Amino acid sequence: MKKITILAVAALAISFASCKKDRVCTCTTTYTGSTTSSTDVNTMTKVTKGAAKANCTSGTSYDTSSAAFIQTRDCKLS
């Protein structure tokens, strides 16, 4: 009985271990007042899903000299 408990605990611990593998972050950047956009693909090697999510972020930035310029970045992790 004790061996079964130890094996079950070991199997459970392995299932919760973080899996490091290659992840791809694809970001599309669009600019206000422009019809153009750009796409960037970033491959991260041997990272956990949490670390990849932290590095693959979307966001909006503003040009302080001109309120008309807004850059929007939409990123997806695959």
Protein backbone atom coordinates (compact mmCIF):
# COMPACT_ATOMS: atom_id res chain seq x y z
CA MET A 1 0.00 0.00 0.00
CA LYS A 2 2.84 2.35 0.86
CA LYS A 3 4.49 1.76 -2.54
CA ILE A 4 1.28 2.63 -4.37
CA THR A 5 0.96 5.89 -2.42
CA ILE A 6 4.56 6.86 -3.19
CA LEU A 7 4.08 6.05 -6.88
CA ALA A 8 0.85 8.05 -7.01
CA VAL A 9 2.52 11.08 -5.39
CA ALA A 10 5.46 10.83 -7.80
CA ALA A 11 3.13 10.64 -10.82
CA LEU A 12 1.17 13.64 -9.56
CA ALA A 13 4.34 15.67 -9.06
CA ILE A 14 5.54 14.90 -12.58
CA SER A 15 2.18 15.94 -14.05
CA PHE A 16 2.50 19.39 -12.41
CA ALA A 17 6.06 19.97 -13.60
CA SER A 18 6.35 22.83 -16.06
CA CYS A 19 6.94 21.78 -19.63
CA LYS A 20 9.61 23.78 -21.42
CA LYS A 21 9.27 23.80 -25.18
CA ASP A 22 9.45 26.13 -28.16
CA ARG A 23 6.68 28.75 -28.30
CA VAL A 24 5.77 31.20 -31.07
CA CYS A 25 4.48 34.73 -30.45
CA THR A 26 2.83 36.43 -33.43
CA CYS A 27 2.19 40.18 -33.13
CA THR A 28 0.32 42.42 -35.55
CA THR A 29 1.00 46.15 -35.25
CA THR A 30 -1.43 48.70 -36.67
CA TYR A 31 -1.18 52.48 -36.78
CA THR A 32 -4.02 54.98 -36.47
CA GLY A 33 -4.66 56.89 -39.68
CA SER A 34 -2.80 54.34 -41.78
CA THR A 35 -3.97 51.32 -43.73
CA THR A 36 -0.67 49.51 -43.27
CA SER A 37 0.15 47.00 -40.59
CA SER A 38 3.13 44.80 -39.82
CA THR A 39 3.40 41.29 -38.45
CA ASP A 40 6.29 40.06 -36.31
CA VAL A 41 6.92 36.42 -35.42
CA ASN A 42 9.10 35.67 -32.40
CA THR A 43 10.16 32.11 -31.57
CA MET A 44 11.09 31.47 -27.95
CA THR A 45 13.02 28.27 -27.30
CA LYS A 46 12.68 26.08 -24.24
CA VAL A 47 10.38 28.32 -22.19
CA THR A 48 7.37 27.56 -20.03
CA LYS A 49 3.93 28.72 -21.10
CA GLY A 50 3.82 31.29 -18.29
CA ALA A 51 7.14 32.83 -19.27
CA ALA A 52 6.08 32.92 -22.92
CA LYS A 53 2.81 34.69 -22.01
CA ALA A 54 4.74 37.28 -20.02
CA ASN A 55 6.96 38.02 -23.04
CA CYS A 56 4.18 37.98 -25.63
CA THR A 57 2.21 41.08 -24.68
CA SER A 58 -0.29 43.25 -26.51
CA GLY A 59 -0.59 46.94 -25.93
CA THR A 60 -1.18 50.47 -27.15
CA SER A 61 1.35 53.27 -27.30
CA TYR A 62 0.88 56.97 -28.00
CA ASP A 63 3.12 59.55 -29.63
CA THR A 64 3.50 62.38 -27.11
CA SER A 65 4.27 64.96 -29.81
CA SER A 66 1.13 64.17 -31.81
CA ALA A 67 -2.10 62.96 -30.22
CA ALA A 68 -3.22 61.63 -33.62
CA PHE A 69 -0.64 58.82 -33.71
CA ILE A 70 -1.62 55.64 -31.90
CA GLN A 71 0.14 52.28 -32.31
CA THR A 72 -1.78 49.16 -31.37
CA ARG A 73 -0.02 45.81 -30.95
CA ASP A 74 -2.08 42.60 -30.84
CA CYS A 75 -0.10 39.48 -29.87
CA LYS A 76 -1.11 35.82 -29.79
CA LEU A 77 0.83 32.88 -28.38
CA SER A 78 0.77 29.62 -30.30
